[in-house]
Protein backbone atom coordinates (compact mmCIF):
# COMPACT_ATOMS: atom_id res chain seq x y z
CA MET A 1 191.72 117.25 -48.24
CA LYS A 2 187.93 117.80 -48.42
CA LYS A 3 188.07 114.32 -47.88
CA THR A 4 189.68 115.00 -44.55
CA GLU A 5 187.53 118.22 -43.53
CA ALA A 6 184.59 115.89 -44.64
CA SER A 7 185.81 113.10 -42.15
CA ARG A 8 187.16 115.61 -39.34
CA SER A 9 183.46 117.15 -39.70
CA ARG A 10 181.84 113.31 -39.26
CA LEU A 11 183.91 112.63 -35.89
CA LEU A 12 182.77 116.10 -34.38
CA THR A 13 179.58 115.28 -34.80
CA ARG A 14 179.44 112.01 -33.60
CA ARG A 15 181.47 112.85 -30.15
CA ALA A 16 179.02 116.29 -30.50
CA LEU A 17 175.82 113.73 -30.89
CA VAL A 18 177.72 111.26 -27.71
CA MET A 19 178.06 114.39 -25.71
CA GLY A 20 174.27 115.89 -26.68
CA GLY A 21 173.23 112.02 -25.71
CA ILE A 22 175.04 112.06 -22.25
CA GLN A 23 173.68 115.43 -21.15
CA THR A 24 170.60 114.57 -22.12
CA ALA A 25 170.58 111.34 -20.19
CA LEU A 26 172.46 112.68 -17.36
CA PHE A 27 169.79 115.98 -17.20
CA GLY A 28 166.51 112.73 -17.76
CA ALA A 29 168.15 111.23 -14.22
CA LEU A 30 168.03 114.14 -12.80
CA ALA A 31 165.24 115.05 -13.58
CA GLY A 32 163.60 111.78 -12.80
CA ARG A 33 165.30 111.91 -9.78
CA LEU A 34 164.11 115.36 -8.83
CA TYR A 35 160.70 114.04 -9.56
CA GLN A 36 160.64 111.10 -7.46
CA LEU A 37 161.70 113.35 -4.63
CA GLN A 38 159.83 116.29 -5.03
CA ILE A 39 156.30 114.19 -6.18
CA VAL A 40 156.79 110.29 -5.26
CA GLU A 41 158.17 110.67 -1.74
CA SER A 42 157.09 114.17 -1.17
CA ASP A 43 155.12 112.60 1.66
CA ARG A 44 157.94 111.16 3.46
CA PHE A 45 160.78 114.05 3.28
CA THR A 46 157.79 116.58 4.98
CA LEU A 47 157.69 113.62 7.69
CA LEU A 48 161.35 114.09 8.02
CA SER A 49 162.00 117.59 7.22
CA GLU A 50 159.04 118.04 10.10
CA GLU A 51 160.68 115.69 12.63
CA ASN A 52 164.10 118.08 12.20
CA ARG A 53 162.02 120.75 12.80
CA ILE A 54 159.78 119.04 15.29
CA ASN A 55 161.25 117.38 18.69
CA LEU A 56 158.88 115.27 20.91
CA GLN A 57 159.72 115.73 24.76
CA LEU A 58 158.36 113.29 27.16
CA LEU A 59 156.72 114.75 30.87
CA ALA A 60 156.37 113.24 34.46
CA PRO A 61 153.09 112.44 35.27
CA GLU A 62 151.86 113.82 38.50
CA ARG A 63 152.53 110.49 41.09
CA GLY A 64 149.09 109.62 42.85
CA ARG A 65 148.88 110.39 46.26
CA ILE A 66 148.61 107.92 49.45
CA PHE A 67 145.77 108.41 52.19
CA ASP A 68 145.00 107.13 55.76
CA ARG A 69 141.38 105.16 55.95
CA TYR A 70 140.14 109.11 57.05
CA GLY A 71 141.55 110.69 53.72
CA ILE A 72 144.72 111.44 55.57
CA PRO A 73 146.98 112.51 52.93
CA LEU A 74 150.61 110.04 54.10
CA ALA A 75 152.34 111.21 51.04
CA ALA A 76 152.04 114.25 48.92
CA ASN A 77 153.32 116.35 45.83
CA GLN A 78 154.76 119.72 46.74
CA LEU A 79 156.11 122.20 44.18
CA ASN A 80 159.77 122.17 44.29
CA TYR A 81 161.86 125.63 43.83
CA ARG A 82 164.93 125.00 41.49
CA VAL A 83 168.03 126.88 40.51
CA LEU A 84 168.97 126.40 37.26
CA LEU A 85 172.68 127.84 34.73
CA VAL A 86 172.13 128.46 31.59
CA PRO A 87 175.62 128.34 30.56
CA GLU A 88 175.59 130.26 27.29
CA LYS A 89 173.66 133.36 29.09
CA ALA A 90 176.07 133.39 32.25
CA GLY A 91 179.32 134.28 30.81
CA GLY A 92 181.35 132.75 32.78
CA VAL A 93 179.81 129.85 34.85
CA ALA A 94 182.20 129.76 37.60
CA ALA A 95 181.72 133.78 37.90
CA THR A 96 178.00 133.14 37.71
CA LEU A 97 178.29 129.91 40.59
CA ALA A 98 180.54 132.59 42.61
CA ALA A 99 178.18 135.00 42.64
CA LEU A 100 175.23 132.94 43.75
CA ARG A 101 177.53 131.01 46.08
CA GLN A 102 176.98 135.11 48.47
CA ILE A 103 173.55 133.79 48.35
CA LEU A 104 172.83 129.97 47.91
CA PRO A 105 175.26 127.51 49.73
CA VAL A 106 177.02 125.80 46.42
CA THR A 107 179.20 122.96 47.97
CA PRO A 108 182.70 122.56 45.84
CA GLU A 109 181.19 118.60 44.73
CA ASP A 110 177.92 120.40 43.26
CA GLU A 111 180.39 123.24 41.58
CA GLU A 112 182.46 120.50 39.72
CA ARG A 113 179.24 118.83 38.68
CA ILE A 114 177.57 121.59 36.71
CA LYS A 115 181.35 122.35 35.14
CA LEU A 116 180.82 118.98 33.94
CA GLU A 117 177.26 119.22 32.68
CA ALA A 118 178.50 122.50 31.14
CA LYS A 119 181.19 121.13 29.13
CA ARG A 120 178.85 117.69 28.17
CA ASN A 121 175.80 119.40 27.11
CA ARG A 122 175.18 122.26 24.60
CA SER A 123 175.56 126.11 26.29
CA PHE A 124 171.57 126.75 26.00
CA THR A 125 171.06 123.56 27.86
CA PRO A 126 169.82 124.51 31.72
CA ILE A 127 171.53 122.86 34.30
CA THR A 128 170.22 121.87 37.70
CA VAL A 129 172.49 123.70 40.14
CA ARG A 130 170.21 123.18 43.94
CA GLU A 131 166.90 121.71 43.85
CA ASN A 132 164.67 122.28 47.07
CA LEU A 133 164.89 125.61 47.69
CA THR A 134 162.74 127.02 50.28
CA TRP A 135 160.71 130.33 49.45
CA ASP A 136 163.68 132.76 51.35
CA ASP A 137 165.98 131.13 48.56
CA VAL A 138 163.85 131.56 46.17
CA ALA A 139 163.25 135.20 46.89
CA ARG A 140 167.05 136.02 47.53
CA ILE A 141 167.67 134.98 44.58
CA GLU A 142 165.29 136.81 42.49
CA VAL A 143 165.92 140.16 44.24
CA ASN A 144 169.51 139.39 42.91
CA ALA A 145 168.82 138.42 39.38
CA PRO A 146 170.36 141.05 37.75
CA GLU A 147 173.87 140.31 39.73
CA LEU A 148 173.00 137.10 38.35
CA PRO A 149 173.30 136.24 34.77
CA GLY A 150 172.17 132.90 33.57
CA ILE A 151 170.45 131.61 36.66
CA SER A 152 167.06 130.58 36.61
CA ILE A 153 164.30 129.59 39.10
CA ASP A 154 161.99 126.62 38.20
CA VAL A 155 158.93 124.84 39.80
CA GLY A 156 158.64 120.83 39.41
CA GLN A 157 157.59 118.74 42.08
CA ARG A 158 158.78 116.13 44.89
CA ARG A 159 157.14 113.68 47.49
CA TYR A 160 156.72 115.05 50.49
CA TYR A 161 155.81 112.17 54.10
CA THR A 162 153.62 114.41 56.02
CA TYR A 163 154.11 112.15 59.20
CA GLY A 164 157.92 111.32 58.79
CA ALA A 165 159.06 108.56 60.28
CA LEU A 166 155.75 107.36 62.08
CA ALA A 167 154.51 105.60 58.91
CA SER A 168 158.05 104.87 57.08
CA HIS A 169 158.11 101.77 57.08
CA VAL A 170 154.30 101.17 55.98
CA ILE A 171 154.72 103.50 53.06
CA GLY A 172 158.58 103.29 52.28
CA TYR A 173 160.03 106.41 49.75
CA VAL A 174 160.91 107.16 46.59
CA GLY A 175 164.27 107.90 44.80
CA ALA A 176 166.38 108.54 42.06
CA VAL A 177 166.33 105.45 39.04
CA SER A 178 169.60 103.44 39.12
CA GLU A 179 171.25 100.90 36.23
CA LYS A 180 169.39 98.39 38.19
CA ASP A 181 165.90 99.67 37.65
CA LEU A 182 166.40 100.17 34.25
CA GLU A 183 167.22 96.72 33.46
CA GLY A 184 164.09 94.85 31.70
CA THR A 185 162.12 98.44 31.15
CA GLU A 186 161.77 100.00 27.99
CA ASP A 187 159.22 103.35 29.84
CA PRO A 188 161.11 106.40 28.72
CA VAL A 189 159.60 107.90 31.52
CA LEU A 190 162.46 106.52 33.58
CA SER A 191 165.05 107.87 31.59
CA LEU A 192 163.74 111.60 32.79
CA PRO A 193 166.24 113.93 34.65
CA GLY A 194 164.65 113.79 38.02
CA PHE A 195 162.55 111.13 37.99
CA ARG A 196 161.92 109.36 41.29
CA ILE A 197 160.38 105.68 41.57
CA GLY A 198 159.38 103.69 44.65
CA LYS A 199 162.03 102.15 46.50
CA ASN A 200 160.69 100.49 49.56
CA GLY A 201 157.36 100.14 51.07
CA CYS A 202 153.89 100.66 49.65
CA GLU A 203 155.41 103.16 46.96
CA LYS A 204 157.27 100.38 45.65
CA THR A 205 155.11 98.21 45.60
CA LEU A 206 152.51 100.27 44.22
CA ASP A 207 154.44 101.75 41.65
CA LEU A 208 153.56 100.79 38.98
CA ALA A 209 149.58 101.97 39.54
CA LEU A 210 151.25 105.49 41.63
CA ARG A 211 152.93 106.50 38.60
CA GLY A 212 150.21 107.47 36.07
CA ARG A 213 150.81 108.04 32.35
CA ALA A 214 153.38 110.27 30.78
CA GLY A 215 152.77 112.92 29.37
CA SER A 216 154.49 114.85 26.11
CA ARG A 217 154.45 118.13 24.50
CA GLN A 218 155.71 119.24 20.86
CA ILE A 219 158.35 121.80 20.29
CA GLU A 220 160.06 123.69 17.29
CA VAL A 221 163.68 123.84 17.23
CA ASN A 222 165.93 125.92 14.70
CA ALA A 223 168.79 123.58 13.46
CA TYR A 224 170.84 124.08 16.35
CA GLY A 225 168.45 122.37 18.76
CA ARG A 226 167.56 125.69 20.39
CA ILE A 227 163.68 125.69 21.33
CA ILE A 228 161.57 128.27 19.26
CA ARG A 229 158.21 127.47 20.66
CA GLU A 230 155.91 124.87 22.40
CA LEU A 231 153.98 123.98 19.66
CA ALA A 232 151.21 121.64 21.88
CA ARG A 233 150.95 119.90 24.90
CA ASP A 234 149.28 116.51 26.65
CA ASN A 235 149.86 116.76 30.06
CA GLY A 236 149.38 112.68 30.69
CA LEU A 237 147.39 111.07 33.42
CA PRO A 238 148.09 111.37 37.25
CA GLY A 239 148.71 108.13 38.64
CA ASP A 240 145.99 106.06 41.23
CA ASP A 241 145.44 107.62 44.72
CA HIS A 242 145.61 105.17 46.90
CA VAL A 243 143.48 104.86 50.71
CA LEU A 244 145.55 102.87 53.18
CA SER A 245 144.05 100.68 55.71
CA ILE A 246 145.98 102.25 58.70
CA ASP A 247 144.35 104.95 60.78
CA MET A 248 147.09 107.64 61.28
CA GLY A 249 145.69 108.46 64.30
CA LEU A 250 146.14 104.94 66.05
CA GLN A 251 149.63 104.62 64.23
CA GLU A 252 151.18 108.13 65.94
CA TYR A 253 149.48 106.81 69.28
CA VAL A 254 151.46 102.94 68.93
CA CYS A 255 154.77 104.53 67.39
CA ALA A 256 154.78 106.46 70.60
CA ARG A 257 153.89 103.92 73.05
CA LEU A 258 156.90 102.18 71.43
CA GLU A 259 159.01 105.12 70.85
CA ASP A 260 161.77 103.84 74.40
CA HIS A 261 161.96 100.64 72.61
CA SER A 262 163.46 98.39 69.64
CA ALA A 263 160.04 96.83 69.16
CA SER A 264 157.40 96.56 66.82
CA CYS A 265 153.17 96.23 67.16
CA VAL A 266 150.43 95.39 64.23
CA VAL A 267 146.70 96.29 64.94
CA MET A 268 144.58 94.08 62.82
CA ASP A 269 140.86 93.85 62.28
CA VAL A 270 140.17 90.07 62.92
CA ILE A 271 136.97 90.32 60.89
CA THR A 272 138.14 92.08 57.10
CA GLY A 273 142.17 91.81 57.69
CA GLU A 274 142.24 95.36 57.44
CA VAL A 275 145.61 96.46 58.82
CA LEU A 276 145.14 99.71 60.91
CA ALA A 277 148.45 100.03 62.51
CA LEU A 278 152.08 98.22 61.56
CA ALA A 279 155.04 100.61 63.43
CA SER A 280 157.90 99.49 63.29
CA VAL A 281 160.66 101.73 65.75
CA PRO A 282 163.19 103.24 65.64
CA ALA A 283 162.67 104.49 62.20
CA TYR A 284 163.25 106.91 59.74
CA ASP A 285 162.23 109.95 57.61
CA PRO A 286 161.36 109.32 53.93
CA ASN A 287 162.21 112.67 53.03
CA VAL A 288 165.49 112.52 53.65
CA PHE A 289 165.04 109.90 51.04
CA ALA A 290 163.01 111.61 48.47
CA ARG A 291 165.72 114.67 48.38
CA GLY A 292 168.33 111.75 48.32
CA VAL A 293 170.41 111.00 51.55
CA THR A 294 173.90 112.20 52.14
CA ASN A 295 176.78 110.19 53.32
CA PRO A 296 176.75 110.70 56.43
CA GLU A 297 173.27 110.62 57.29
CA TRP A 298 173.12 107.03 55.35
CA GLU A 299 176.13 106.33 57.98
CA GLU A 300 174.25 107.29 60.84
CA LEU A 301 171.17 104.40 60.21
CA VAL A 302 173.26 101.78 59.03
CA ARG A 303 175.42 101.88 62.36
CA ASN A 304 172.45 101.81 64.61
CA PRO A 305 172.31 98.72 66.19
CA ARG A 306 168.67 99.18 66.80
CA ALA A 307 168.52 98.83 62.72
CA PRO A 308 165.98 102.13 61.87
CA LEU A 309 166.06 100.51 58.57
CA SER A 310 164.36 97.10 58.94
CA ASN A 311 160.67 96.52 58.75
CA LYS A 312 160.78 94.81 62.38
CA ALA A 313 156.78 94.12 62.05
CA SER A 314 157.00 92.38 58.73
CA GLY A 315 160.33 91.26 58.37
CA GLY A 316 161.86 90.49 61.54
CA GLN A 317 161.67 87.11 62.07
CA TYR A 318 161.76 85.94 66.20
CA PRO A 319 160.52 82.93 67.86
CA PRO A 320 157.16 83.03 69.01
CA GLY A 321 157.49 81.66 72.77
CA SER A 322 154.58 80.83 74.78
CA THR A 323 152.51 83.10 72.91
CA TYR A 324 152.76 79.95 70.27
CA LYS A 325 151.26 77.72 73.06
CA MET A 326 147.37 78.43 71.58
CA ALA A 327 148.58 76.71 68.48
CA VAL A 328 150.24 73.35 70.20
CA ALA A 329 147.24 73.28 72.57
CA LEU A 330 144.75 73.27 69.37
CA ALA A 331 146.91 71.22 67.48
CA ALA A 332 146.09 68.09 70.67
CA LEU A 333 142.78 69.44 70.27
CA GLU A 334 141.79 68.61 66.90
CA GLY A 335 144.33 65.80 67.02
CA GLY A 336 142.57 63.91 70.10
CA HIS A 337 145.87 63.92 71.53
CA MET A 338 144.39 65.69 75.17
CA GLY A 339 141.32 66.20 76.04
CA PRO A 340 141.27 69.72 78.04
CA ASP A 341 140.31 68.41 81.42
CA GLU A 342 143.23 66.05 81.09
CA HIS A 343 146.09 67.03 83.41
CA VAL A 344 149.74 67.40 83.99
CA PHE A 345 151.80 67.43 86.55
CA CYS A 346 154.40 69.87 86.37
CA PRO A 347 157.36 69.98 89.47
CA GLY A 348 159.09 73.07 87.65
CA VAL A 349 161.56 70.75 85.45
CA MET A 350 160.86 67.96 82.71
CA ARG A 351 163.51 65.19 82.00
CA MET A 352 163.94 63.02 78.91
CA GLY A 353 166.96 60.90 79.73
CA ASN A 354 170.20 63.53 80.89
CA ALA A 355 168.66 65.98 79.14
CA GLN A 356 166.44 68.62 81.39
CA PHE A 357 163.82 71.32 80.18
CA HIS A 358 163.07 73.73 82.83
CA CYS A 359 159.39 75.67 83.50
CA TRP A 360 159.63 79.46 83.57
CA LYS A 361 158.73 78.85 87.71
CA ARG A 362 161.12 76.98 89.71
CA GLY A 363 159.14 75.56 92.52
CA GLY A 364 156.74 74.45 89.39
CA HIS A 365 152.50 75.00 88.68
CA GLY A 366 151.11 71.54 90.63
CA SER A 367 148.31 69.86 88.52
CA MET A 368 147.44 71.73 85.59
CA ASN A 369 144.95 71.21 82.20
CA MET A 370 145.25 73.15 79.31
CA HIS A 371 142.89 76.36 80.88
CA ALA A 372 145.04 76.47 83.30
CA ALA A 373 148.26 75.63 81.75
CA ILE A 374 147.30 78.69 78.74
CA MET A 375 146.07 81.09 81.99
CA GLN A 376 149.28 80.59 84.15
CA SER A 377 151.67 79.45 80.89
CA CYS A 378 152.91 76.28 81.96
CA ASP A 379 155.85 75.02 79.84
CA VAL A 380 155.83 71.61 81.22
CA TYR A 381 152.34 70.75 80.53
CA PHE A 382 153.07 71.99 76.94
CA TYR A 383 156.42 70.04 76.87
CA GLU A 384 154.18 66.76 77.33
CA VAL A 385 151.55 68.12 74.67
CA ALA A 386 153.99 68.27 72.29
CA LYS A 387 155.79 64.66 73.00
CA ARG A 388 152.04 63.36 72.06
CA VAL A 389 151.49 65.67 69.23
CA GLY A 390 154.58 65.61 67.04
CA VAL A 391 156.48 67.94 65.89
CA ASP A 392 154.70 67.49 62.38
CA GLY A 393 151.60 67.46 63.63
CA ILE A 394 152.49 71.30 65.57
CA ALA A 395 153.53 72.34 61.88
CA ALA A 396 150.62 71.12 60.21
CA MET A 397 148.12 73.37 62.85
CA SER A 398 150.48 76.39 62.54
CA ARG A 399 150.60 76.71 59.09
CA ARG A 400 145.99 76.81 59.24
CA LEU A 401 147.23 79.32 61.14
CA GLY A 402 149.20 81.76 58.97
CA PHE A 403 152.77 80.31 60.27
CA GLY A 404 155.48 79.53 57.56
CA GLU A 405 154.29 81.40 55.08
CA VAL A 406 154.72 85.30 53.76
CA PRO A 407 151.49 86.92 54.24
CA GLY A 408 151.22 88.93 51.62
CA VAL A 409 150.21 92.43 52.88
CA GLY A 410 152.03 93.87 49.84
CA LEU A 411 155.37 95.38 51.64
CA PRO A 412 158.59 94.70 50.37
CA GLY A 413 161.06 92.18 52.49
CA GLU A 414 158.01 90.65 54.04
CA ARG A 415 159.74 87.21 55.74
CA ALA A 416 157.25 84.09 55.96
CA GLY A 417 159.41 82.73 59.30
CA LEU A 418 160.17 78.68 60.04
CA VAL A 419 157.84 76.46 60.39
CA PRO A 420 160.42 73.07 61.01
CA THR A 421 159.65 69.30 60.75
CA ALA A 422 161.74 66.18 60.74
CA ALA A 423 161.80 65.92 57.10
CA TRP A 424 163.27 70.33 57.39
CA LYS A 425 166.46 69.36 59.87
CA GLU A 426 167.29 66.24 58.17
CA ALA A 427 168.18 68.22 54.26
CA THR A 428 168.97 71.92 56.24
CA HIS A 429 171.13 70.39 58.48
CA GLY A 430 171.92 66.49 57.55
CA VAL A 431 170.80 65.27 60.91
CA ALA A 432 167.79 63.40 62.49
CA TRP A 433 165.06 65.48 64.56
CA GLN A 434 165.50 64.65 68.18
CA LYS A 435 163.15 64.68 70.89
CA GLY A 436 164.22 67.49 72.91
CA ASP A 437 163.56 69.41 69.37
CA THR A 438 159.83 68.44 69.68
CA VAL A 439 159.91 69.63 73.32
CA VAL A 440 161.61 73.32 73.07
CA ILE A 441 159.10 73.75 69.95
CA GLY A 442 156.05 72.70 72.17
CA ILE A 443 157.18 76.53 73.98
CA GLY A 444 157.79 78.68 70.86
CA GLN A 445 161.29 77.66 71.05
CA GLY A 446 164.02 76.06 69.26
CA TYR A 447 163.93 76.32 64.94
CA MET A 448 160.27 77.77 65.13
CA LEU A 449 160.29 81.33 64.06
CA SER A 450 157.78 84.22 63.26
CA THR A 451 156.98 87.90 61.99
CA PRO A 452 155.22 90.14 64.39
CA LEU A 453 152.62 90.28 61.47
CA GLN A 454 152.29 86.56 61.31
CA LEU A 455 151.39 86.57 65.39
CA THR A 456 148.88 88.71 64.92
CA ILE A 457 147.36 86.93 61.87
CA TYR A 458 147.82 84.20 64.13
CA THR A 459 145.59 85.78 67.02
CA ALA A 460 143.23 86.87 64.67
CA ARG A 461 142.19 83.28 62.67
CA ILE A 462 141.38 82.37 66.97
CA ALA A 463 139.18 85.71 67.84
CA ASN A 464 137.61 85.09 64.83
CA GLY A 465 136.27 82.06 65.24
CA GLY A 466 138.38 79.72 63.14
CA TYR A 467 138.86 82.09 59.49
CA ALA A 468 141.49 82.20 57.75
CA VAL A 469 141.69 86.06 57.47
CA LYS A 470 144.49 87.67 55.51
CA PRO A 471 145.16 90.81 55.84
CA THR A 472 145.60 93.80 53.37
CA LEU A 473 146.97 97.48 53.83
CA VAL A 474 145.04 98.62 50.35
CA ARG A 475 141.18 100.12 51.41
CA ALA A 476 140.94 101.47 47.90
CA ILE A 477 142.42 102.70 44.90
CA HIS A 478 140.58 106.05 43.78
CA ARG A 479 141.08 106.52 40.13
CA ARG A 480 140.75 110.52 38.62
CA ASP A 481 137.66 109.32 36.53
CA GLY A 482 136.16 109.07 39.83
CA VAL A 483 135.88 105.18 40.10
CA VAL A 484 136.61 104.00 43.66
CA ARG A 485 137.38 99.95 43.88
CA GLU A 486 137.01 98.38 47.20
CA GLU A 487 138.32 94.73 47.91
CA VAL A 488 135.27 92.56 49.95
CA PRO A 489 136.86 89.99 51.70
CA ASP A 490 135.68 86.21 51.28
CA PHE A 491 137.49 84.36 53.82
CA PRO A 492 137.05 80.25 54.05
CA SER A 493 136.85 78.61 57.42
CA MET A 494 139.42 76.45 58.49
CA GLY A 495 137.70 73.75 59.70
CA LEU A 496 138.35 74.17 64.12
CA LYS A 497 135.50 72.89 65.96
CA ALA A 498 134.14 76.02 67.83
CA ALA A 499 134.60 73.69 70.97
CA HIS A 500 138.20 73.37 71.07
CA LEU A 501 138.46 77.30 69.99
CA ALA A 502 136.81 78.36 73.01
CA ILE A 503 139.16 75.97 75.25
CA VAL A 504 141.55 78.00 73.86
CA LYS A 505 140.08 81.39 74.07
CA GLY A 506 139.09 80.39 77.56
CA GLY A 507 142.86 80.32 78.49
CA MET A 508 143.83 83.61 76.63
CA ASN A 509 140.82 85.35 78.86
CA GLY A 510 142.06 84.35 81.96
CA VAL A 511 145.55 85.11 80.73
CA THR A 512 144.18 88.66 81.39
CA ASN A 513 141.10 88.71 83.34
CA ASP A 514 142.26 86.16 86.13
CA ARG A 515 144.47 86.63 88.64
CA ARG A 516 145.96 84.12 88.52
CA GLY A 517 146.89 84.72 84.86
CA THR A 518 150.55 85.83 83.55
CA ALA A 519 149.59 89.30 82.49
CA TYR A 520 146.44 90.51 85.06
CA LYS A 521 148.24 93.39 86.10
CA ALA A 522 147.95 94.36 82.26
CA ARG A 523 144.30 93.74 81.87
CA ILE A 524 141.67 96.27 80.65
CA ASP A 525 139.74 97.36 83.79
CA GLU A 526 136.65 98.85 81.11
CA ALA A 527 134.72 95.70 81.08
CA GLU A 528 133.49 96.79 77.57
CA PHE A 529 136.88 96.76 76.65
CA ALA A 530 138.28 93.72 78.52
CA MET A 531 141.09 92.06 75.89
CA ALA A 532 142.21 88.31 76.30
CA GLY A 533 145.75 87.47 75.22
CA LYS A 534 149.07 85.76 75.94
CA THR A 535 152.45 86.38 76.88
CA GLY A 536 155.45 85.30 75.96
CA SER A 537 159.81 85.80 76.60
CA VAL A 538 161.60 84.56 74.43
CA GLN A 539 165.52 83.29 75.40
CA VAL A 540 168.39 85.38 73.15
CA LYS A 541 171.34 84.02 75.36
CA ARG A 542 171.15 80.38 76.88
CA ILE A 543 171.56 80.70 80.91
CA SER A 544 174.03 77.91 81.55
CA LYS A 545 174.21 75.40 83.65
CA ALA A 546 176.37 77.20 86.30
CA GLU A 547 174.23 80.78 86.33
CA ARG A 548 170.84 78.30 87.11
CA GLU A 549 173.00 76.78 90.17
CA ARG A 550 174.56 80.92 91.21
CA GLY A 551 170.63 81.42 90.83
CA VAL A 552 168.21 83.41 88.61
CA ILE A 553 170.38 86.30 86.00
CA LYS A 554 167.87 88.66 85.74
CA ASN A 555 167.42 90.22 82.56
CA GLU A 556 167.89 94.10 83.58
CA ASP A 557 171.73 92.83 84.59
CA ARG A 558 172.50 91.49 81.62
CA PRO A 559 174.22 93.48 78.61
CA TRP A 560 170.89 94.54 76.55
CA LYS A 561 171.66 93.00 73.22
CA ASP A 562 171.09 89.53 75.64
CA ARG A 563 168.18 89.83 77.67
CA ASP A 564 165.21 88.28 76.65
CA HIS A 565 162.72 89.30 73.77
CA ALA A 566 159.11 89.98 74.99
CA LEU A 567 155.65 89.62 73.22
CA PHE A 568 152.56 89.43 73.73
CA VAL A 569 149.21 88.85 71.05
CA GLY A 570 145.71 89.45 72.14
CA TYR A 571 142.56 90.56 70.87
CA ALA A 572 139.65 92.21 72.33
CA PRO A 573 137.03 93.30 73.52
CA VAL A 574 136.55 89.73 74.74
CA GLU A 575 132.87 89.10 74.09
CA LYS A 576 133.03 90.02 70.56
CA PRO A 577 137.05 90.32 68.82
CA ARG A 578 136.88 93.01 66.31
CA TYR A 579 140.89 93.49 66.93
CA ALA A 580 144.08 91.58 67.47
CA VAL A 581 147.41 92.87 68.54
CA ALA A 582 150.78 91.69 68.93
CA VAL A 583 153.59 93.49 70.36
CA VAL A 584 157.46 92.29 70.02
CA VAL A 585 160.22 94.10 71.87
CA GLU A 586 163.37 93.00 71.30
CA HIS A 587 165.53 91.99 74.33
CA GLY A 588 162.25 93.93 76.17
CA GLY A 589 162.48 91.19 79.10
CA GLY A 590 159.52 89.62 80.35
CA GLY A 591 156.53 89.96 77.98
CA SER A 592 154.39 90.15 80.89
CA ALA A 593 156.22 93.39 82.32
CA THR A 594 157.46 95.27 79.35
CA ALA A 595 155.06 93.94 76.17
CA ALA A 596 151.96 93.01 77.37
CA PRO A 597 151.03 97.35 79.06
CA ILE A 598 151.75 97.79 75.47
CA ALA A 599 149.26 96.14 73.86
CA ARG A 600 146.65 96.26 76.32
CA ASP A 601 147.16 100.53 75.91
CA VAL A 602 146.89 100.30 72.01
CA LEU A 603 143.63 97.40 72.61
CA ARG A 604 142.23 100.03 74.49
CA GLU A 605 143.30 103.00 72.24
CA VAL A 606 142.08 101.13 68.92
CA GLN A 607 138.47 100.48 70.71
CA ARG A 608 137.78 104.29 71.60
CA ARG A 609 138.91 104.92 68.02
CA ASP A 610 136.81 101.66 66.60
CA PRO A 611 138.36 102.50 62.98
CA ALA A 612 135.65 99.46 61.85
CA HIS A 613 132.47 101.66 62.65
CA THR A 614 133.77 105.40 62.33
CA THR A 615 135.29 105.28 59.10
CA PRO A 616 133.52 107.11 56.42
CA ASN A 617 132.36 105.55 53.22
CA LEU A 618 133.89 104.93 49.98
CA SER A 619 131.42 107.60 48.30
CA ALA A 620 131.91 110.11 51.25
CA LEU A 621 135.75 109.66 51.03
CA SER A 622 135.72 110.05 47.44
CA THR A 623 134.06 113.27 47.48
CA ARG A 624 136.77 114.32 50.03
CA LEU A 625 139.66 113.19 47.46
CA THR A 626 137.83 114.90 45.02
CA GLY A 627 136.89 117.82 46.96
């Protein structure tokens, strides 16, 4: 009996020791883990705790402004008053919206969106009911605040375009970030609610510089994510301000002059390449896009046959017509194919085999040299010149003068036009180049395409003595640290002989200042402002042989879409050229009757304003912008 009790006692003792050992091990492991968590990894868990307590939120930076060359604001930032709804404070979302509807219009679509966001988000998260409130809207809401639980007014920023449609194709507009905009970028600021980026014009091409650097704020939140207080704030850096070369007063004048047409006009400094005006009419109001275009507004813009959304000045492609004849003449002179005094007889038509190529003057011009052929725009003369030079020789000169390449002025949708060659036609159409193709290229028709901006560059390169000037829109960049940068142009010579340029320029002078010139009636009478230029008309619908036999078909008797395009290129003053212009009036008829008078008025106005010599220097402009 004693042995059994002793054995049982030893067993209990061993079990107690085992249990004690296990307990000691467990307590040791627990103590070790506590040591690791509280001592070894203290810093790490303190940081995690802080991260749970403190949230970091991005703040949208102020977008850089856009000015004209005189410091006049074209794209600015305005206060955007928004009405917000906090569901948990509203009591009932539907009841609060019903009360708000008595003061402020709330559409059924907005109501559905708000209810959806209220279900999806936490109850304390503010929901935007409406933006862009007027001061009267804000005042009515504040007065009725006791009857609007959960409703509050928030102040943000919105983009505002001072001149509306007058500069819309240059400035462009901002819009909401789309899924496509997020592709290939990790910029977190794009995910901010309501953040807008450039969608067209300079707003798009200069978007990154205009955006600035995002700011941030540190906020303390509780376990439910509710904001308790703001701990710190960094407002970030505003975007860079940009000063354009555009003279807004001139731009306004040009748009008014084009108002009744579907047309475009570009004015450029022939020395610096600064684009002083770039107008395309009709246009659109970018403020509509900045606030969010409605479906009816969009449909109206898209269905307009005169295409207000299209930038005709840099993206519209047209055959250059007779405005192209100076390029053909230079190709002949530089290549030694024809001298300036060699005469070609114009009977009113050129025959090649069974084909006939008519001159615009039915009875013909008679004997023409180069000066007279440019001045009177003789088609038969340039048919002959084109035959001698050949399409490839004309194409080579065209490229030197700026055709066939994207100008690179810095606008979305710029087009390169088309400079055709024999190889191009073979590759594109699978047929050989014909002699008739060359003949029509000689008067700027056929496959040849150009934009109004290219026509301006071409004219400027002739006017400035043969320097390969390129267009620019940005005159200076003004950063918030006060640095102003201006690009200094350095344009190389194209190597054209001065004597050849003088012959061509003399013909252009005759166009406007000789009684026999095609644009004499549109001349500038003031000698110090006198212009030189070239008219052009582009056939939109081919006139059949039967129609010709019935008599001349007048433009005004045709439907608008079938009428000829009217073109004019020119420069002024004649003696010391400084400004070049190109005007294209869609379906405007004759260049001398429609486009030339517009160009005359524009060249007179730009010389009267003389922006090349009246623009404030950059230091003065910097003071004005910061002041």
